[in-house]
Protein backbone atom coordinates (compact mmCIF):
# COMPACT_ATOMS: atom_id res chain seq x y z
CA MET A 1 2.83 -10.61 -20.39
CA ASP A 2 6.49 -9.65 -20.82
CA ASP A 3 9.16 -9.90 -18.11
CA SER A 4 8.78 -6.22 -17.13
CA THR A 5 5.04 -6.54 -16.44
CA PRO A 6 4.32 -7.85 -12.95
CA ALA A 7 1.84 -10.67 -12.51
CA PRO A 8 -1.55 -9.43 -11.25
CA ASP A 9 -1.03 -10.93 -7.76
CA SER A 10 2.41 -9.38 -7.54
CA ALA A 11 1.06 -5.99 -8.67
CA ALA A 12 -1.78 -6.21 -6.14
CA SER A 13 0.72 -7.00 -3.39
CA GLU A 14 2.91 -4.08 -4.44
CA LEU A 15 -0.05 -1.73 -4.27
CA GLY A 16 -1.09 -3.26 -0.94
CA LEU A 17 2.37 -2.54 0.45
CA ALA A 18 2.11 1.08 -0.69
CA VAL A 19 -1.30 1.38 1.01
CA ASN A 20 0.11 -0.26 4.15
CA ALA A 21 2.96 2.26 4.14
CA GLU A 22 0.39 5.05 3.78
CA ALA A 23 -1.44 3.70 6.86
CA SER A 24 1.79 3.44 8.84
CA ALA A 25 2.74 7.00 7.91
CA ALA A 26 -0.70 8.33 8.84
CA LEU A 27 -0.49 6.69 12.25
CA SER A 28 2.99 8.12 12.83
CA GLN A 29 1.69 11.68 12.36
CA ASP A 30 5.11 12.56 10.93
CA PRO A 31 4.59 14.94 7.97
CA ALA A 32 7.81 13.79 6.29
CA LEU A 33 6.71 10.14 6.45
CA VAL A 34 3.25 11.04 5.14
CA ASP A 35 4.79 12.92 2.20
CA ALA A 36 7.16 10.04 1.45
CA ALA A 37 4.32 7.49 1.61
CA GLU A 38 2.18 9.60 -0.72
CA GLU A 39 5.07 9.91 -3.18
CA ASN A 40 5.67 6.15 -2.97
CA LEU A 41 1.98 5.55 -3.66
CA ARG A 42 2.07 7.79 -6.75
CA ASP A 43 5.22 6.06 -8.00
CA THR A 44 3.70 2.63 -7.38
CA VAL A 45 0.53 3.48 -9.30
CA ASP A 46 2.61 4.95 -12.14
CA SER A 47 4.66 1.76 -12.35
CA LEU A 48 1.56 -0.46 -12.52
CA VAL A 49 -0.42 1.26 -15.29
CA ASP A 50 0.09 0.35 -18.92
CA GLU A 51 -0.57 3.85 -20.21
CA PRO A 52 -0.14 7.20 -18.52
CA LEU A 53 -3.23 8.20 -16.58
CA THR A 54 -4.93 11.50 -17.21
CA ASP A 55 -4.55 14.04 -14.42
CA ARG A 56 -8.12 13.32 -13.30
CA GLN A 57 -7.55 9.56 -13.30
CA GLN A 58 -4.35 10.02 -11.32
CA ASP A 59 -6.20 12.17 -8.77
CA VAL A 60 -8.98 9.57 -8.43
CA VAL A 61 -6.52 6.68 -8.01
CA GLU A 62 -4.50 8.63 -5.44
CA SER A 63 -7.68 9.53 -3.53
CA LEU A 64 -8.82 5.91 -3.52
CA ALA A 65 -5.43 4.69 -2.39
CA SER A 66 -5.21 7.35 0.31
CA ALA A 67 -8.69 6.42 1.54
CA SER A 68 -7.59 2.78 1.55
CA GLY A 69 -4.62 3.78 3.70
CA SER A 70 -6.94 5.55 6.13
CA ILE A 71 -9.23 2.52 6.29
CA THR A 72 -6.22 0.25 6.79
CA ALA A 73 -4.96 2.49 9.59
CA GLY A 74 -8.34 2.47 11.30
CA LEU A 75 -8.87 -1.27 11.02
CA SER A 76 -5.30 -1.98 12.12
CA GLY A 77 -5.77 0.29 15.11
CA ALA A 78 -9.02 -1.45 16.06
CA LEU A 79 -7.45 -4.90 15.70
CA ALA A 80 -4.42 -3.83 17.71
CA ALA A 81 -6.65 -2.50 20.49
CA GLN A 82 -8.75 -5.66 20.48
CA GLN A 83 -5.66 -7.86 20.69
CA ASP A 84 -3.80 -5.52 23.06
CA ARG A 85 -0.89 -5.26 20.61
CA PRO A 86 0.93 -2.25 19.18
CA VAL A 87 -0.59 -1.10 15.89
CA GLU A 88 2.89 -1.18 14.34
CA GLU A 89 2.98 -4.91 15.01
CA VAL A 90 -0.31 -5.41 13.16
CA LEU A 91 0.85 -3.31 10.18
CA GLY A 92 4.19 -5.14 10.18
CA ALA A 93 2.40 -8.49 10.03
CA THR A 94 0.30 -7.20 7.15
CA ALA A 95 3.43 -6.13 5.28
CA ARG A 96 5.04 -9.54 5.82
CA VAL A 97 1.97 -11.30 4.41
CA LEU A 98 1.94 -9.01 1.37
CA LEU A 99 5.67 -9.57 0.76
CA ALA A 100 5.19 -13.34 0.97
CA ARG A 101 2.27 -13.13 -1.44
CA GLN A 102 4.33 -11.03 -3.84
CA ALA A 103 7.26 -13.47 -3.69
CA GLN A 104 4.92 -16.41 -4.31
CA ALA A 105 3.33 -14.62 -7.28
CA GLU A 106 6.75 -13.94 -8.77
CA ASP A 107 7.75 -17.60 -8.35
CA ASP A 108 4.61 -18.84 -10.18
C-alpha cells in the first residue's frame, strides 16, 4: 500500500463519516445540506476506489450509502429518544468516534 492509499480502517472511517453526514443532512430537512452530503458521499466513494466504477456500480454504491445514511438517521433518532438527548448530539458522538478511529488507523 503506497502513502496515497488509506489504510482499510481509515477508509472505513472516512466512509462512515460521509454516511453520518448524510444522516445529519437528512434529519435537517435542508435541501442544500442534503445535496452537499450526497456530493460528499460521491466524492468519498470516488476517492476510495482503486479503479473508476462503472455508472451502474456508482449508482449501486450511492444507493447503498444513502440507505445507510437513512438507517443511521433512524437509529440515531431512536437512540436519542430513548436517552432523551438531541439527535444531533448522538450523531456528533458518532462522528467523534469515527474521527478517533481514523486518526488511530493513520497512526498505525
